[in-house]
Amino acid sequence: MKFQVNRDVFSEAVSFAVKLLPQRTTQPILSGVLLEASEGALVLSSFDYEVSSRAEIAADVEEAGSALVSGRLLAEIASRLPNAPVQFSTVDGKIAVQCGSAKFTLGSMPVEEYPTLPQVGERTGVLPAEDFAAAVAQVTVAASRDDVTPVITGVQLEVGDNNLSLVATDRYRVAVREIDWDSGSTTAEGTAALIPARTLAEIGKTFAHSGTVSVTIARGDDRELIAFSADKKTVTSLLIKGNFPPVKRLFPETVDNYAVVNTAELIEATRRVSLVLEREAALRFSFSIDGVTLEATGAEQAQAQETIEGHLHGEDTVVSLKPAFLLDGLGAVHSEYVRISFTKTDNPNKPGPVLITSQSSKDQPGADNYKYLLQPNLLLR
């Protein structure tokens, strides 16, 4: 094997290939990146049986071949190479790397023992990359981080007629975002896929500036996976098995009682007042015609209170919310103002979950189809 590649293009491709590799693995061979050079192209691949990455870049290939090298080490080297073309060659079973005056010799692992990457079939649909990345960032904050219940550590993708819904929950909150989706000539409506939230978060960042992203949802035999492709890059992930809870039904059709608050002001006030709270304690929010009053009470050492401007529509309402969960929702609302709607329960003395949505102005709702439902008590049991 012998080839030459552009340093910056190669470094970016290696970084992409190793991004989703596990930090530690019981099988050292899975920590490798597979290099395959042939006919003017270099393909870099990684696979740990759950997630795979594949990137193809242009290369001046003098001698076709393949090699398997440590992914993390290759990424470290690639990011520090001088500004010159990178030359690779196989010498006595090792990989020689030369870039300008810098030279490295890397050990290689047996290519024949490396697992075969999953094959990606016909695409299920196409979605706008920028909207997809924003939606992923908005909903993944609500996914559970407790591996005891794997089904809620994922994000549910649900294909509609011309839109895609992303849904996540950890039982205390639910986040939903809809974006445009084009199934083309295929019939994908009703298709759903449950993806690990941590994997999806990286995929969203990776393809954020790719224009459009092709999505393939494949179900066959005992392996169900999803693939995302753009710019000659592909990431696949195994789907989480199990039934995602029907959390969409928790969202009310309409809510008449709500307040509109400046998003940045509410974030800053919440951060300030919660400084005196003990861990896991809730903040008390009182919404009235005079504004929003935040109170941290109950601690022996310190208390705090602050009032900010708010525009109430309906009855005075008092709710207690965990500040970290509230800040996650407010941080995902990409608008100057936020609407906080107060739902009802069968018990008049017990407020229902609050619904957080974007608000373009004091009087105009947002148009990004993002919803975040938050309750201090469990929404699902």
Protein backbone atom coordinates (compact mmCIF):
# COMPACT_ATOMS: atom_id res chain seq x y z
CA MET A 1 0.00 0.00 0.00
CA LYS A 2 1.29 3.41 -0.95
CA PHE A 3 -0.59 6.69 -1.31
CA GLN A 4 -0.48 10.45 -0.74
CA VAL A 5 -3.28 12.66 0.65
CA ASN A 6 -3.94 16.28 1.58
CA ARG A 7 -3.05 16.84 5.25
CA ASP A 8 -6.17 18.83 6.25
CA VAL A 9 -8.59 16.53 4.43
CA PHE A 10 -6.94 13.46 5.93
CA SER A 11 -6.91 14.89 9.47
CA GLU A 12 -10.63 15.73 9.28
CA ALA A 13 -11.47 12.25 7.94
CA VAL A 14 -9.49 10.50 10.70
CA SER A 15 -11.16 12.66 13.34
CA PHE A 16 -14.57 11.70 11.92
CA ALA A 17 -13.71 8.00 11.85
CA VAL A 18 -12.55 7.82 15.49
CA LYS A 19 -15.12 10.19 17.00
CA LEU A 20 -17.60 7.45 17.90
CA LEU A 21 -15.06 4.79 18.90
CA PRO A 22 -15.30 3.73 22.57
CA GLN A 23 -12.57 5.05 24.87
CA ARG A 24 -11.97 1.52 26.13
CA THR A 25 -12.72 -1.80 24.50
CA THR A 26 -12.18 -5.42 25.53
CA GLN A 27 -11.10 -6.18 21.95
CA PRO A 28 -8.07 -4.07 20.97
CA ILE A 29 -8.72 -4.63 17.27
CA LEU A 30 -11.94 -2.59 17.55
CA SER A 31 -9.87 0.46 18.51
CA GLY A 32 -8.38 0.50 15.03
CA VAL A 33 -9.13 2.49 11.91
CA LEU A 34 -9.16 0.57 8.63
CA LEU A 35 -7.40 2.32 5.74
CA GLU A 36 -8.30 1.08 2.24
CA ALA A 37 -6.54 2.72 -0.72
CA SER A 38 -7.67 2.08 -4.29
CA GLU A 39 -8.32 3.91 -7.60
CA GLY A 40 -7.76 7.50 -6.51
CA ALA A 41 -9.57 7.22 -3.18
CA LEU A 42 -8.86 6.41 0.46
CA VAL A 43 -11.62 4.97 2.64
CA LEU A 44 -11.27 5.24 6.43
CA SER A 45 -13.56 3.07 8.55
CA SER A 46 -14.17 2.20 12.20
CA PHE A 47 -16.63 -0.26 13.76
CA ASP A 48 -17.26 -1.57 17.28
CA TYR A 49 -20.27 -3.80 16.44
CA GLU A 50 -22.68 -1.07 17.57
CA VAL A 51 -21.57 2.06 15.70
CA SER A 52 -19.64 2.37 12.45
CA SER A 53 -18.12 5.34 10.63
CA ARG A 54 -16.94 5.48 7.03
CA ALA A 55 -15.35 8.39 5.16
CA GLU A 56 -14.00 8.52 1.61
CA ILE A 57 -11.45 11.13 0.49
CA ALA A 58 -9.42 11.73 -2.65
CA ALA A 59 -5.93 10.22 -2.68
CA ASP A 60 -3.03 9.78 -5.09
CA VAL A 61 -2.78 5.99 -4.88
CA GLU A 62 0.43 4.48 -6.19
CA GLU A 63 -0.14 1.03 -4.77
CA ALA A 64 -3.56 -0.22 -3.64
CA GLY A 65 -3.92 -2.00 -0.33
CA SER A 66 -5.31 -1.89 3.19
CA ALA A 67 -4.02 -1.50 6.74
CA LEU A 68 -5.44 -1.41 10.26
CA VAL A 69 -3.86 1.03 12.73
CA SER A 70 -4.67 2.48 16.16
CA GLY A 71 -7.40 5.06 15.65
CA ARG A 72 -6.63 7.33 18.59
CA LEU A 73 -2.89 7.42 17.83
CA LEU A 74 -3.51 8.10 14.14
CA ALA A 75 -5.88 10.95 15.03
CA GLU A 76 -3.32 12.48 17.41
CA ILE A 77 -0.61 12.30 14.76
CA ALA A 78 -2.84 13.64 11.97
CA SER A 79 -3.85 16.68 14.02
CA ARG A 80 -0.20 17.68 14.59
CA LEU A 81 1.36 17.09 11.18
CA PRO A 82 3.11 20.01 9.45
CA ASN A 83 1.51 21.75 6.47
CA ALA A 84 2.54 19.35 3.71
CA PRO A 85 1.14 16.35 1.79
CA VAL A 86 0.95 13.14 3.82
CA GLN A 87 2.58 10.01 2.39
CA PHE A 88 1.72 6.49 3.56
CA SER A 89 3.49 3.27 2.70
CA THR A 90 3.77 -0.28 4.01
CA VAL A 91 7.29 -1.30 5.03
CA ASP A 92 8.06 -4.71 6.56
CA GLY A 93 4.57 -5.12 7.96
CA LYS A 94 4.52 -1.63 9.50
CA ILE A 95 2.99 1.65 8.32
CA ALA A 96 5.39 4.46 7.45
CA VAL A 97 3.93 7.98 7.58
CA GLN A 98 5.85 10.97 6.25
CA CYS A 99 4.74 14.61 6.17
CA GLY A 100 7.40 17.20 5.42
CA SER A 101 10.30 16.41 7.72
CA ALA A 102 8.12 14.48 10.19
CA LYS A 103 8.28 10.69 10.01
CA PHE A 104 6.35 8.05 11.97
CA THR A 105 6.33 4.26 11.94
CA LEU A 106 3.11 2.68 13.20
CA GLY A 107 2.35 -0.88 14.13
CA SER A 108 -0.42 -2.59 12.18
CA MET A 109 -3.12 -5.00 13.28
CA PRO A 110 -4.37 -8.01 11.26
CA VAL A 111 -6.88 -6.72 8.71
CA GLU A 112 -8.38 -10.17 8.21
CA GLU A 113 -9.58 -10.20 11.84
CA TYR A 114 -11.44 -6.89 11.54
CA PRO A 115 -15.25 -7.21 11.39
CA THR A 116 -17.12 -6.42 8.19
CA LEU A 117 -18.90 -3.08 8.29
CA PRO A 118 -22.72 -3.05 7.98
CA GLN A 119 -24.06 -2.54 4.47
CA VAL A 120 -26.37 0.45 3.92
CA GLY A 121 -29.39 -0.20 1.72
CA GLU A 122 -31.81 2.11 -0.06
CA ARG A 123 -32.37 5.37 1.77
CA THR A 124 -35.60 5.92 3.70
CA GLY A 125 -35.62 9.71 3.42
CA VAL A 126 -33.74 13.00 3.31
CA LEU A 127 -33.74 15.86 5.82
CA PRO A 128 -32.14 19.32 6.08
CA ALA A 129 -28.85 18.99 7.97
CA GLU A 130 -29.00 22.29 9.86
CA ASP A 131 -32.53 21.68 11.15
CA PHE A 132 -31.60 18.10 12.02
CA ALA A 133 -28.58 19.19 14.07
CA ALA A 134 -30.64 21.82 15.92
CA ALA A 135 -33.44 19.33 16.63
CA VAL A 136 -31.00 16.73 17.98
CA ALA A 137 -29.45 19.27 20.34
CA GLN A 138 -32.91 20.33 21.56
CA VAL A 139 -34.23 16.86 22.40
CA THR A 140 -31.18 14.90 23.58
CA VAL A 141 -31.06 16.93 26.81
CA ALA A 142 -34.24 15.16 27.90
CA ALA A 143 -32.98 11.61 27.30
CA SER A 144 -32.24 9.50 30.37
CA ARG A 145 -28.63 8.88 31.38
CA ASP A 146 -29.56 5.88 33.51
CA ASP A 147 -28.64 2.66 31.68
CA VAL A 148 -30.92 0.66 33.98
CA THR A 149 -33.78 1.46 31.55
CA PRO A 150 -32.09 1.44 28.11
CA VAL A 151 -35.27 2.27 26.19
CA ILE A 152 -35.37 5.85 27.54
CA THR A 153 -31.65 6.49 26.98
CA GLY A 154 -32.50 6.88 23.31
CA VAL A 155 -34.22 9.35 21.02
CA GLN A 156 -37.23 8.09 19.12
CA LEU A 157 -37.40 9.10 15.45
CA GLU A 158 -40.93 8.87 14.06
CA VAL A 159 -41.52 9.36 10.33
CA GLY A 160 -44.68 11.22 9.31
CA ASP A 161 -46.06 12.09 5.91
CA ASN A 162 -43.67 15.00 5.30
CA ASN A 163 -42.05 15.49 8.71
CA LEU A 164 -39.85 13.71 11.20
CA SER A 165 -40.46 13.84 14.96
CA LEU A 166 -37.62 13.47 17.45
CA VAL A 167 -38.80 12.51 20.97
CA ALA A 168 -36.87 11.96 24.22
CA THR A 169 -37.81 11.50 27.88
CA ASP A 170 -36.28 10.57 31.24
CA ARG A 171 -39.70 10.33 32.97
CA TYR A 172 -39.36 13.82 34.45
CA ARG A 173 -39.54 15.72 31.16
CA VAL A 174 -40.34 15.13 27.52
CA ALA A 175 -38.83 16.98 24.56
CA VAL A 176 -40.30 16.88 21.04
CA ARG A 177 -39.16 18.58 17.85
CA GLU A 178 -40.52 18.19 14.32
CA ILE A 179 -38.53 18.92 11.16
CA ASP A 180 -39.13 18.59 7.42
CA TRP A 181 -38.65 15.13 5.90
CA ASP A 182 -38.71 13.93 2.31
CA SER A 183 -39.36 10.24 1.76
CA GLY A 184 -39.16 10.59 -2.01
CA SER A 185 -40.88 7.70 -3.77
CA THR A 186 -40.66 5.37 -0.76
CA THR A 187 -43.48 4.85 1.72
CA ALA A 188 -41.91 5.46 5.12
CA GLU A 189 -44.80 6.99 7.08
CA GLY A 190 -45.21 5.26 10.42
CA THR A 191 -41.59 4.08 10.52
CA ALA A 192 -39.86 4.56 13.87
CA ALA A 193 -36.28 4.12 15.08
CA LEU A 194 -34.89 4.36 18.63
CA ILE A 195 -31.27 5.59 18.63
CA PRO A 196 -28.88 5.97 21.59
CA ALA A 197 -28.96 9.66 22.50
CA ARG A 198 -25.18 9.98 22.93
CA THR A 199 -24.58 8.56 19.46
CA LEU A 200 -27.25 10.75 17.88
CA ALA A 201 -25.77 13.87 19.53
CA GLU A 202 -22.41 13.22 17.85
CA ILE A 203 -24.11 12.47 14.51
CA GLY A 204 -26.02 15.76 14.70
CA LYS A 205 -22.81 17.74 15.25
CA THR A 206 -20.97 15.83 12.52
CA PHE A 207 -23.49 16.55 9.77
CA ALA A 208 -24.62 20.01 10.93
CA HIS A 209 -23.18 21.81 7.87
CA SER A 210 -23.76 19.15 5.22
CA GLY A 211 -26.74 20.66 3.42
CA THR A 212 -28.91 17.55 3.42
CA VAL A 213 -28.56 14.20 5.19
CA SER A 214 -29.75 10.87 3.80
CA VAL A 215 -31.26 8.48 6.34
CA THR A 216 -31.65 4.72 5.95
CA ILE A 217 -33.60 2.67 8.48
CA ALA A 218 -32.85 -1.02 7.92
CA ARG A 219 -34.59 -3.93 9.59
CA GLY A 220 -33.54 -7.46 8.85
CA ASP A 221 -32.63 -10.69 10.62
CA ASP A 222 -31.54 -9.87 14.19
CA ARG A 223 -29.86 -6.52 13.37
CA GLU A 224 -31.83 -3.32 13.18
CA LEU A 225 -29.80 -0.23 12.34
CA ILE A 226 -29.99 3.32 11.08
CA ALA A 227 -27.54 5.05 8.76
CA PHE A 228 -26.86 8.75 8.17
CA SER A 229 -24.93 9.81 5.08
CA ALA A 230 -23.64 13.09 3.60
CA ASP A 231 -20.47 14.37 1.89
CA LYS A 232 -19.11 10.84 1.31
CA LYS A 233 -19.38 10.13 5.02
CA THR A 234 -21.65 7.52 6.64
CA VAL A 235 -22.42 6.66 10.26
CA THR A 236 -24.46 3.62 11.24
CA SER A 237 -25.85 2.75 14.67
CA LEU A 238 -27.67 -0.25 16.04
CA LEU A 239 -31.16 0.62 17.25
CA ILE A 240 -32.24 0.13 20.84
CA LYS A 241 -34.66 -2.75 21.17
CA GLY A 242 -37.88 -2.21 23.11
CA ASN A 243 -41.00 -0.10 23.05
CA PHE A 244 -40.56 3.61 23.61
CA PRO A 245 -43.24 4.97 26.00
CA PRO A 246 -46.14 6.84 24.30
CA VAL A 247 -45.14 10.20 25.78
CA LYS A 248 -46.60 12.34 22.99
CA ARG A 249 -50.05 11.80 24.47
CA LEU A 250 -48.96 13.75 27.56
CA PHE A 251 -48.92 17.01 25.61
CA PRO A 252 -52.16 19.02 25.90
CA GLU A 253 -54.02 20.16 22.77
CA THR A 254 -54.39 23.73 24.03
CA VAL A 255 -53.46 25.64 27.20
CA ASP A 256 -55.18 28.92 28.07
CA ASN A 257 -53.13 29.81 31.15
CA TYR A 258 -49.54 30.81 30.30
CA ALA A 259 -46.81 33.38 30.83
CA VAL A 260 -44.37 34.92 28.36
CA VAL A 261 -40.91 35.74 29.74
CA ASN A 262 -37.64 36.94 28.25
CA THR A 263 -35.60 33.74 27.86
CA ALA A 264 -32.18 35.16 28.77
CA GLU A 265 -33.55 36.99 31.84
CA LEU A 266 -35.24 33.84 33.15
CA ILE A 267 -32.08 31.77 32.60
CA GLU A 268 -29.89 34.25 34.47
CA ALA A 269 -32.37 34.67 37.34
CA THR A 270 -32.73 30.90 37.69
CA ARG A 271 -28.97 30.47 37.84
CA ARG A 272 -28.59 33.20 40.46
CA VAL A 273 -31.37 32.16 42.80
CA SER A 274 -30.51 28.45 42.60
CA LEU A 275 -26.99 29.14 43.94
CA VAL A 276 -28.29 28.71 47.51
CA LEU A 277 -30.25 25.53 46.81
CA GLU A 278 -29.22 22.18 48.14
CA ARG A 279 -28.73 19.43 45.58
CA GLU A 280 -31.92 18.15 43.92
CA ALA A 281 -34.01 20.86 45.59
CA ALA A 282 -36.63 22.70 43.54
CA LEU A 283 -37.10 26.41 42.92
CA ARG A 284 -40.46 28.04 43.58
CA PHE A 285 -41.81 30.14 40.68
CA SER A 286 -44.76 32.49 41.29
CA PHE A 287 -46.35 33.88 38.13
CA SER A 288 -48.61 36.91 38.55
CA ILE A 289 -49.57 40.16 36.84
CA ASP A 290 -46.53 41.73 38.55
CA GLY A 291 -44.06 39.33 36.90
CA VAL A 292 -42.25 36.15 37.90
CA THR A 293 -40.85 35.74 41.41
CA LEU A 294 -38.21 33.08 41.99
CA GLU A 295 -37.66 31.83 45.55
CA ALA A 296 -35.15 29.41 47.01
CA THR A 297 -36.40 28.57 50.49
CA GLY A 298 -36.02 25.77 53.00
CA ALA A 299 -32.24 25.82 53.29
CA GLU A 300 -30.93 26.61 56.78
CA GLN A 301 -27.87 28.54 55.64
CA ALA A 302 -29.19 30.78 52.85
CA GLN A 303 -32.27 31.93 50.98
CA ALA A 304 -32.70 33.90 47.77
CA GLN A 305 -35.44 35.71 45.88
CA GLU A 306 -35.68 37.65 42.63
CA THR A 307 -38.50 39.08 40.52
CA ILE A 308 -38.28 39.59 36.76
CA GLU A 309 -40.72 40.92 34.19
CA GLY A 310 -43.31 38.51 32.84
CA HIS A 311 -46.57 38.74 30.89
CA LEU A 312 -49.28 36.51 32.36
CA HIS A 313 -52.33 35.32 30.45
CA GLY A 314 -54.82 33.74 32.84
CA GLU A 315 -54.69 32.94 36.55
CA ASP A 316 -51.86 33.48 39.03
CA THR A 317 -49.88 30.24 39.25
CA VAL A 318 -47.21 28.84 41.56
CA VAL A 319 -45.05 25.89 40.52
CA SER A 320 -41.88 24.28 41.88
CA LEU A 321 -39.35 23.09 39.31
CA LYS A 322 -35.87 21.63 39.40
CA PRO A 323 -33.60 24.40 38.08
CA ALA A 324 -31.32 22.09 36.08
CA PHE A 325 -34.25 20.59 34.19
CA LEU A 326 -35.76 24.03 33.57
CA LEU A 327 -32.44 25.41 32.30
CA ASP A 328 -32.14 22.49 29.86
CA GLY A 329 -35.49 23.41 28.36
CA LEU A 330 -34.81 27.14 28.29
CA GLY A 331 -31.42 26.56 26.67
CA ALA A 332 -33.09 24.58 23.90
CA VAL A 333 -35.56 27.38 23.11
CA HIS A 334 -33.82 29.39 20.42
CA SER A 335 -35.95 32.51 20.72
CA GLU A 336 -35.84 35.83 22.56
CA TYR A 337 -38.96 34.98 24.57
CA VAL A 338 -40.30 31.74 26.00
CA ARG A 339 -43.88 30.69 26.65
CA ILE A 340 -44.47 28.74 29.86
CA SER A 341 -47.92 27.15 29.81
CA PHE A 342 -49.59 25.72 32.92
CA THR A 343 -51.53 22.49 32.42
CA LYS A 344 -54.30 21.22 34.70
CA THR A 345 -54.70 17.99 36.64
CA ASP A 346 -57.72 16.30 38.20
CA ASN A 347 -56.52 17.60 41.57
CA PRO A 348 -57.08 21.39 41.73
CA ASN A 349 -54.41 21.69 44.45
CA LYS A 350 -51.77 20.00 42.33
CA PRO A 351 -50.47 21.86 39.27
CA GLY A 352 -49.84 19.86 36.12
CA PRO A 353 -46.64 19.82 34.09
CA VAL A 354 -45.45 23.08 32.56
CA LEU A 355 -45.13 23.25 28.79
CA ILE A 356 -42.19 25.25 27.42
CA THR A 357 -42.29 26.49 23.83
CA SER A 358 -40.54 29.19 21.83
CA GLN A 359 -42.00 32.67 21.47
CA SER A 360 -40.88 35.03 18.68
CA SER A 361 -42.06 38.11 20.57
CA LYS A 362 -44.26 39.00 23.54
CA ASP A 363 -47.33 38.33 21.40
CA GLN A 364 -46.17 35.95 18.65
CA PRO A 365 -45.60 32.19 19.20
CA GLY A 366 -42.47 30.63 17.73
CA ALA A 367 -42.55 28.44 14.64
CA ASP A 368 -39.90 25.80 15.29
CA ASN A 369 -42.29 23.05 16.49
CA TYR A 370 -40.28 22.50 19.68
CA LYS A 371 -42.06 21.42 22.88
CA TYR A 372 -40.63 20.63 26.32
CA LEU A 373 -42.88 19.25 29.06
CA LEU A 374 -41.53 19.41 32.61
CA GLN A 375 -42.82 18.14 35.94
CA PRO A 376 -40.98 17.76 39.28
CA ASN A 377 -42.84 14.49 39.83
CA LEU A 378 -42.66 11.52 37.52
CA LEU A 379 -44.67 11.92 34.34
CA LEU A 380 -44.65 8.15 33.84
CA ARG A 381 -44.67 5.33 36.35
